[in-house]
PDB file of all heavy atoms in Angstrom:
ATOM      1  N   GLN A   1       0.824  -1.214   0.002  1.00  0.00           N
ATOM      2  CA  GLN A   1      -0.004   0.001  -0.001  1.00  0.00           C
ATOM      3  C   GLN A   1       0.859   1.260   0.001  1.00  0.00           C
ATOM      4  O   GLN A   1       0.528   2.247  -0.665  1.00  0.00           O
ATOM      5  CB  GLN A   1      -0.915   0.006   1.219  1.00  0.00           C
ATOM      6  CG  GLN A   1      -2.023  -1.053   1.191  1.00  0.00           C
ATOM      7  CD  GLN A   1      -2.959  -0.869   0.019  1.00  0.00           C
ATOM      8  OE1 GLN A   1      -3.483   0.214  -0.203  1.00  0.00           O
ATOM      9  NE2 GLN A   1      -3.136  -1.923  -0.761  1.00  0.00           N
ATOM     10  N   LEU A   2       1.973   1.241   0.739  1.00  0.00           N
ATOM     11  CA  LEU A   2       2.881   2.383   0.766  1.00  0.00           C
ATOM     12  C   LEU A   2       3.519   2.599  -0.607  1.00  0.00           C
ATOM     13  O   LEU A   2       3.729   3.735  -1.030  1.00  0.00           O
ATOM     14  CB  LEU A   2       3.972   2.182   1.811  1.00  0.00           C
ATOM     15  CG  LEU A   2       3.523   2.129   3.281  1.00  0.00           C
ATOM     16  CD1 LEU A   2       4.716   1.956   4.189  1.00  0.00           C
ATOM     17  CD2 LEU A   2       2.738   3.364   3.651  1.00  0.00           C
ATOM     18  N   THR A   3       3.788   1.524  -1.296  1.00  0.00           N
ATOM     19  CA  THR A   3       4.345   1.638  -2.648  1.00  0.00           C
ATOM     20  C   THR A   3       3.342   2.270  -3.601  1.00  0.00           C
ATOM     21  O   THR A   3       3.678   3.125  -4.405  1.00  0.00           O
ATOM     22  CB  THR A   3       4.745   0.255  -3.180  1.00  0.00           C
ATOM     23  OG1 THR A   3       5.768  -0.302  -2.326  1.00  0.00           O
ATOM     24  CG2 THR A   3       5.300   0.352  -4.590  1.00  0.00           C
ATOM     25  N   ASP A   4       2.060   1.899  -3.439  1.00  0.00           N
ATOM     26  CA  ASP A   4       1.011   2.468  -4.298  1.00  0.00           C
ATOM     27  C   ASP A   4       0.802   3.950  -3.998  1.00  0.00           C
ATOM     28  O   ASP A   4       0.607   4.760  -4.916  1.00  0.00           O
ATOM     29  CB  ASP A   4      -0.311   1.726  -4.072  1.00  0.00           C
ATOM     30  CG  ASP A   4      -0.249   0.286  -4.619  1.00  0.00           C
ATOM     31  OD1 ASP A   4       0.643   0.008  -5.446  1.00  0.00           O
ATOM     32  OD2 ASP A   4      -1.085  -0.520  -4.199  1.00  0.00           O
ATOM     33  N   LYS A   5       0.847   4.319  -2.708  1.00  0.00           N
ATOM     34  CA  LYS A   5       0.529   5.699  -2.332  1.00  0.00           C
ATOM     35  C   LYS A   5       1.734   6.640  -2.436  1.00  0.00           C
ATOM     36  O   LYS A   5       1.551   7.853  -2.637  1.00  0.00           O
ATOM     37  CB  LYS A   5       0.029   5.736  -0.873  1.00  0.00           C
ATOM     38  CG  LYS A   5      -1.058   4.741  -0.536  1.00  0.00           C
ATOM     39  CD  LYS A   5      -2.331   4.998  -1.275  1.00  0.00           C
ATOM     40  CE  LYS A   5      -3.409   3.971  -0.883  1.00  0.00           C
ATOM     41  NZ  LYS A   5      -4.630   4.094  -1.687  1.00  0.00           N
ATOM     42  N   GLY A   6       2.928   6.105  -2.261  1.00  0.00           N
ATOM     43  CA  GLY A   6       4.102   6.948  -2.200  1.00  0.00           C
ATOM     44  C   GLY A   6       4.722   7.231  -3.559  1.00  0.00           C
ATOM     45  O   GLY A   6       4.234   6.818  -4.598  1.00  0.00           O
ATOM     46  N   GLN A   7       5.849   7.950  -3.482  1.00  0.00           N
ATOM     47  CA  GLN A   7       6.558   8.321  -4.708  1.00  0.00           C
ATOM     48  C   GLN A   7       7.644   7.291  -5.045  1.00  0.00           C
ATOM     49  O   GLN A   7       8.304   7.427  -6.060  1.00  0.00           O
ATOM     50  CB  GLN A   7       7.226   9.693  -4.482  1.00  0.00           C
ATOM     51  CG  GLN A   7       6.296  10.769  -3.959  1.00  0.00           C
ATOM     52  CD  GLN A   7       5.172  11.068  -4.929  1.00  0.00           C
ATOM     53  OE1 GLN A   7       5.407  11.123  -6.143  1.00  0.00           O
ATOM     54  NE2 GLN A   7       3.977  11.271  -4.425  1.00  0.00           N
ATOM     55  N   CYS A   8       7.809   6.290  -4.203  1.00  0.00           N
ATOM     56  CA  CYS A   8       8.904   5.332  -4.352  1.00  0.00           C
ATOM     57  C   CYS A   8       8.334   3.952  -4.616  1.00  0.00           C
ATOM     58  O   CYS A   8       7.399   3.498  -3.957  1.00  0.00           O
ATOM     59  CB  CYS A   8       9.783   5.329  -3.101  1.00  0.00           C
ATOM     60  SG  CYS A   8      11.186   4.242  -3.222  1.00  0.00           S
ATOM     61  N   SER A   9       8.921   3.241  -5.561  1.00  0.00           N
ATOM     62  CA  SER A   9       8.400   1.923  -5.961  1.00  0.00           C
ATOM     63  C   SER A   9       9.099   0.761  -5.252  1.00  0.00           C
ATOM     64  O   SER A   9       8.811  -0.388  -5.564  1.00  0.00           O
ATOM     65  CB  SER A   9       8.535   1.740  -7.471  1.00  0.00           C
ATOM     66  OG  SER A   9       9.908   1.822  -7.848  1.00  0.00           O
ATOM     67  N   SER A  10      10.004   1.054  -4.326  1.00  0.00           N
ATOM     68  CA  SER A  10      10.830  -0.024  -3.755  1.00  0.00           C
ATOM     69  C   SER A  10      10.554  -0.300  -2.279  1.00  0.00           C
ATOM     70  O   SER A  10      11.382  -0.860  -1.592  1.00  0.00           O
ATOM     71  CB  SER A  10      12.304   0.288  -3.962  1.00  0.00           C
ATOM     72  OG  SER A  10      12.638   1.542  -3.425  1.00  0.00           O
ATOM     73  N   PHE A  11       9.397   0.107  -1.774  1.00  0.00           N
ATOM     74  CA  PHE A  11       9.069  -0.144  -0.375  1.00  0.00           C
ATOM     75  C   PHE A  11       8.857  -1.620  -0.085  1.00  0.00           C
ATOM     76  O   PHE A  11       8.921  -2.054   1.051  1.00  0.00           O
ATOM     77  CB  PHE A  11       7.835   0.635   0.061  1.00  0.00           C
ATOM     78  CG  PHE A  11       8.144   1.978   0.667  1.00  0.00           C
ATOM     79  CD1 PHE A  11       8.065   3.120  -0.070  1.00  0.00           C
ATOM     80  CD2 PHE A  11       8.544   2.079   1.997  1.00  0.00           C
ATOM     81  CE1 PHE A  11       8.363   4.363   0.474  1.00  0.00           C
ATOM     82  CE2 PHE A  11       8.852   3.312   2.574  1.00  0.00           C
ATOM     83  CZ  PHE A  11       8.762   4.451   1.799  1.00  0.00           C
ATOM     84  N   THR A  12       8.628  -2.432  -1.110  1.00  0.00           N
ATOM     85  CA  THR A  12       8.375  -3.852  -0.879  1.00  0.00           C
ATOM     86  C   THR A  12       9.631  -4.699  -0.923  1.00  0.00           C
ATOM     87  O   THR A  12       9.588  -5.878  -0.543  1.00  0.00           O
ATOM     88  CB  THR A  12       7.410  -4.402  -1.948  1.00  0.00           C
ATOM     89  OG1 THR A  12       7.955  -4.120  -3.245  1.00  0.00           O
ATOM     90  CG2 THR A  12       6.045  -3.755  -1.825  1.00  0.00           C
ATOM     91  N   ASN A  13      10.765  -4.141  -1.350  1.00  0.00           N
ATOM     92  CA  ASN A  13      11.933  -5.004  -1.464  1.00  0.00           C
ATOM     93  C   ASN A  13      13.260  -4.387  -0.994  1.00  0.00           C
ATOM     94  O   ASN A  13      14.219  -5.096  -0.775  1.00  0.00           O
ATOM     95  CB  ASN A  13      12.125  -5.473  -2.915  1.00  0.00           C
ATOM     96  CG  ASN A  13      12.127  -4.304  -3.903  1.00  0.00           C
ATOM     97  OD1 ASN A  13      12.675  -3.246  -3.633  1.00  0.00           O
ATOM     98  ND2 ASN A  13      11.496  -4.516  -5.060  1.00  0.00           N
ATOM     99  N   ALA A  14      13.317  -3.061  -0.843  1.00  0.00           N
ATOM    100  CA  ALA A  14      14.586  -2.418  -0.512  1.00  0.00           C
ATOM    101  C   ALA A  14      14.594  -1.929   0.931  1.00  0.00           C
ATOM    102  O   ALA A  14      13.533  -1.647   1.501  1.00  0.00           O
ATOM    103  CB  ALA A  14      14.844  -1.243  -1.462  1.00  0.00           C
ATOM    104  N   GLU A  15      15.783  -1.816   1.508  1.00  0.00           N
ATOM    105  CA  GLU A  15      15.911  -1.259   2.835  1.00  0.00           C
ATOM    106  C   GLU A  15      15.862   0.268   2.756  1.00  0.00           C
ATOM    107  O   GLU A  15      16.472   0.875   1.890  1.00  0.00           O
ATOM    108  CB  GLU A  15      17.231  -1.689   3.475  1.00  0.00           C
ATOM    109  CG  GLU A  15      17.373  -1.236   4.911  1.00  0.00           C
ATOM    110  CD  GLU A  15      18.609  -1.788   5.581  1.00  0.00           C
ATOM    111  OE1 GLU A  15      19.264  -2.658   4.997  1.00  0.00           O
ATOM    112  OE2 GLU A  15      18.915  -1.333   6.705  1.00  0.00           O
ATOM    113  N   LYS A  16      15.094   0.868   3.646  1.00  0.00           N
ATOM    114  CA  LYS A  16      14.893   2.305   3.647  1.00  0.00           C
ATOM    115  C   LYS A  16      15.374   2.912   4.966  1.00  0.00           C
ATOM    116  O   LYS A  16      15.607   2.202   5.936  1.00  0.00           O
ATOM    117  CB  LYS A  16      13.403   2.652   3.471  1.00  0.00           C
ATOM    118  CG  LYS A  16      12.785   2.118   2.198  1.00  0.00           C
ATOM    119  CD  LYS A  16      13.269   2.891   1.000  1.00  0.00           C
ATOM    120  CE  LYS A  16      12.539   2.444  -0.252  1.00  0.00           C
ATOM    121  NZ  LYS A  16      13.071   3.108  -1.451  1.00  0.00           N
ATOM    122  N   ASP A  17      15.474   4.235   4.967  1.00  0.00           N
ATOM    123  CA  ASP A  17      15.748   4.920   6.209  1.00  0.00           C
ATOM    124  C   ASP A  17      14.415   5.024   6.983  1.00  0.00           C
ATOM    125  O   ASP A  17      13.393   5.341   6.374  1.00  0.00           O
ATOM    126  CB  ASP A  17      16.292   6.325   5.908  1.00  0.00           C
ATOM    127  CG  ASP A  17      16.756   7.038   7.165  1.00  0.00           C
ATOM    128  OD1 ASP A  17      15.930   7.477   7.962  1.00  0.00           O
ATOM    129  OD2 ASP A  17      17.984   7.144   7.330  1.00  0.00           O
ATOM    130  N   PRO A  18      14.416   4.748   8.283  1.00  0.00           N
ATOM    131  CA  PRO A  18      13.157   4.849   9.053  1.00  0.00           C
ATOM    132  C   PRO A  18      12.493   6.204   8.914  1.00  0.00           C
ATOM    133  O   PRO A  18      11.270   6.306   8.904  1.00  0.00           O
ATOM    134  CB  PRO A  18      13.612   4.590  10.499  1.00  0.00           C
ATOM    135  CG  PRO A  18      14.856   3.773  10.363  1.00  0.00           C
ATOM    136  CD  PRO A  18      15.530   4.272   9.110  1.00  0.00           C
ATOM    137  N   GLU A  19      13.297   7.266   8.816  1.00  0.00           N
ATOM    138  CA  GLU A  19      12.724   8.607   8.689  1.00  0.00           C
ATOM    139  C   GLU A  19      11.909   8.742   7.395  1.00  0.00           C
ATOM    140  O   GLU A  19      10.864   9.408   7.363  1.00  0.00           O
ATOM    141  CB  GLU A  19      13.827   9.652   8.731  1.00  0.00           C
ATOM    142  CG  GLU A  19      13.318  11.093   8.777  1.00  0.00           C
ATOM    143  CD  GLU A  19      14.407  12.118   8.986  1.00  0.00           C
ATOM    144  OE1 GLU A  19      15.587  11.751   8.909  1.00  0.00           O
ATOM    145  OE2 GLU A  19      14.094  13.294   9.202  1.00  0.00           O
ATOM    146  N   GLU A  20      12.395   8.130   6.322  1.00  0.00           N
ATOM    147  CA  GLU A  20      11.663   8.173   5.072  1.00  0.00           C
ATOM    148  C   GLU A  20      10.297   7.493   5.196  1.00  0.00           C
ATOM    149  O   GLU A  20       9.291   7.986   4.704  1.00  0.00           O
ATOM    150  CB  GLU A  20      12.493   7.489   3.969  1.00  0.00           C
ATOM    151  CG  GLU A  20      11.878   7.527   2.588  1.00  0.00           C
ATOM    152  CD  GLU A  20      12.722   6.832   1.541  1.00  0.00           C
ATOM    153  OE1 GLU A  20      13.819   6.342   1.892  1.00  0.00           O
ATOM    154  OE2 GLU A  20      12.289   6.768   0.372  1.00  0.00           O
ATOM    155  N   PHE A  21      10.298   6.348   5.900  1.00  0.00           N
ATOM    156  CA  PHE A  21       9.034   5.633   6.135  1.00  0.00           C
ATOM    157  C   PHE A  21       8.082   6.452   7.007  1.00  0.00           C
ATOM    158  O   PHE A  21       6.898   6.597   6.692  1.00  0.00           O
ATOM    159  CB  PHE A  21       9.350   4.294   6.790  1.00  0.00           C
ATOM    160  CG  PHE A  21       8.192   3.651   7.505  1.00  0.00           C
ATOM    161  CD1 PHE A  21       7.046   3.304   6.823  1.00  0.00           C
ATOM    162  CD2 PHE A  21       8.247   3.413   8.868  1.00  0.00           C
ATOM    163  CE1 PHE A  21       5.966   2.736   7.493  1.00  0.00           C
ATOM    164  CE2 PHE A  21       7.193   2.822   9.538  1.00  0.00           C
ATOM    165  CZ  PHE A  21       6.047   2.499   8.834  1.00  0.00           C
ATOM    166  N   LEU A  22       8.599   7.035   8.095  1.00  0.00           N
ATOM    167  CA  LEU A  22       7.744   7.794   9.004  1.00  0.00           C
ATOM    168  C   LEU A  22       7.173   9.039   8.316  1.00  0.00           C
ATOM    169  O   LEU A  22       6.010   9.392   8.498  1.00  0.00           O
ATOM    170  CB  LEU A  22       8.531   8.203  10.251  1.00  0.00           C
ATOM    171  CG  LEU A  22       8.918   7.057  11.197  1.00  0.00           C
ATOM    172  CD1 LEU A  22       9.775   7.567  12.336  1.00  0.00           C
ATOM    173  CD2 LEU A  22       7.683   6.344  11.729  1.00  0.00           C
ATOM    174  N   ASN A  23       8.005   9.723   7.532  1.00  0.00           N
ATOM    175  CA  ASN A  23       7.516  10.907   6.809  1.00  0.00           C
ATOM    176  C   ASN A  23       6.408  10.552   5.833  1.00  0.00           C
ATOM    177  O   ASN A  23       5.415  11.271   5.704  1.00  0.00           O
ATOM    178  CB  ASN A  23       8.668  11.575   6.067  1.00  0.00           C
ATOM    179  CG  ASN A  23       9.587  12.350   6.988  1.00  0.00           C
ATOM    180  OD1 ASN A  23       9.212  12.694   8.102  1.00  0.00           O
ATOM    181  ND2 ASN A  23      10.799  12.623   6.542  1.00  0.00           N
ATOM    182  N   LEU A  24       6.572   9.418   5.156  1.00  0.00           N
ATOM    183  CA  LEU A  24       5.565   9.022   4.182  1.00  0.00           C
ATOM    184  C   LEU A  24       4.249   8.683   4.863  1.00  0.00           C
ATOM    185  O   LEU A  24       3.184   9.211   4.474  1.00  0.00           O
ATOM    186  CB  LEU A  24       6.054   7.786   3.392  1.00  0.00           C
ATOM    187  CG  LEU A  24       5.032   7.157   2.433  1.00  0.00           C
ATOM    188  CD1 LEU A  24       4.610   8.120   1.348  1.00  0.00           C
ATOM    189  CD2 LEU A  24       5.586   5.866   1.835  1.00  0.00           C
ATOM    190  N   ILE A  25       4.285   7.852   5.901  1.00  0.00           N
ATOM    191  CA  ILE A  25       3.034   7.395   6.499  1.00  0.00           C
ATOM    192  C   ILE A  25       2.375   8.491   7.351  1.00  0.00           C
ATOM    193  O   ILE A  25       1.158   8.616   7.370  1.00  0.00           O
ATOM    194  CB  ILE A  25       3.246   6.092   7.323  1.00  0.00           C
ATOM    195  CG1 ILE A  25       1.907   5.417   7.589  1.00  0.00           C
ATOM    196  CG2 ILE A  25       4.006   6.356   8.617  1.00  0.00           C
ATOM    197  CD1 ILE A  25       2.009   4.001   8.076  1.00  0.00           C
ATOM    198  N   MET A  26       3.173   9.306   8.023  1.00  0.00           N
ATOM    199  CA  MET A  26       2.598  10.343   8.889  1.00  0.00           C
ATOM    200  C   MET A  26       2.153  11.570   8.127  1.00  0.00           C
ATOM    201  O   MET A  26       1.082  12.119   8.414  1.00  0.00           O
ATOM    202  CB  MET A  26       3.613  10.753   9.981  1.00  0.00           C
ATOM    203  CG  MET A  26       3.854   9.707  11.031  1.00  0.00           C
ATOM    204  SD  MET A  26       4.996  10.319  12.310  1.00  0.00           S
ATOM    205  CE  MET A  26       4.853   8.990  13.520  1.00  0.00           C
ATOM    206  N   GLN A  27       2.951  11.995   7.158  1.00  0.00           N
ATOM    207  CA  GLN A  27       2.639  13.223   6.465  1.00  0.00           C
ATOM    208  C   GLN A  27       1.757  12.985   5.249  1.00  0.00           C
ATOM    209  O   GLN A  27       0.665  13.554   5.121  1.00  0.00           O
ATOM    210  CB  GLN A  27       3.934  13.917   6.034  1.00  0.00           C
ATOM    211  CG  GLN A  27       3.713  15.243   5.305  1.00  0.00           C
ATOM    212  CD  GLN A  27       5.018  15.900   4.935  1.00  0.00           C
ATOM    213  OE1 GLN A  27       6.026  15.240   4.713  1.00  0.00           O
ATOM    214  NE2 GLN A  27       5.006  17.224   4.831  1.00  0.00           N
ATOM    215  N   GLN A  28       2.206  12.142   4.336  1.00  0.00           N
ATOM    216  CA  GLN A  28       1.523  12.015   3.045  1.00  0.00           C
ATOM    217  C   GLN A  28       0.268  11.133   3.127  1.00  0.00           C
ATOM    218  O   GLN A  28      -0.701  11.325   2.396  1.00  0.00           O
ATOM    219  CB  GLN A  28       2.484  11.467   2.001  1.00  0.00           C
ATOM    220  CG  GLN A  28       3.659  12.388   1.710  1.00  0.00           C
ATOM    221  CD  GLN A  28       4.536  11.859   0.593  1.00  0.00           C
ATOM    222  OE1 GLN A  28       4.060  11.313  -0.394  1.00  0.00           O
ATOM    223  NE2 GLN A  28       5.838  12.017   0.753  1.00  0.00           N
TER     224      GLN A  28
END
């Protein structure tokens, strides 16, 4: 769902920075 809603297509397979995840789910 985050991949569909966000600007990044790699939330399902790549390691991310926690801040990037928190900004996406909390803000966007």
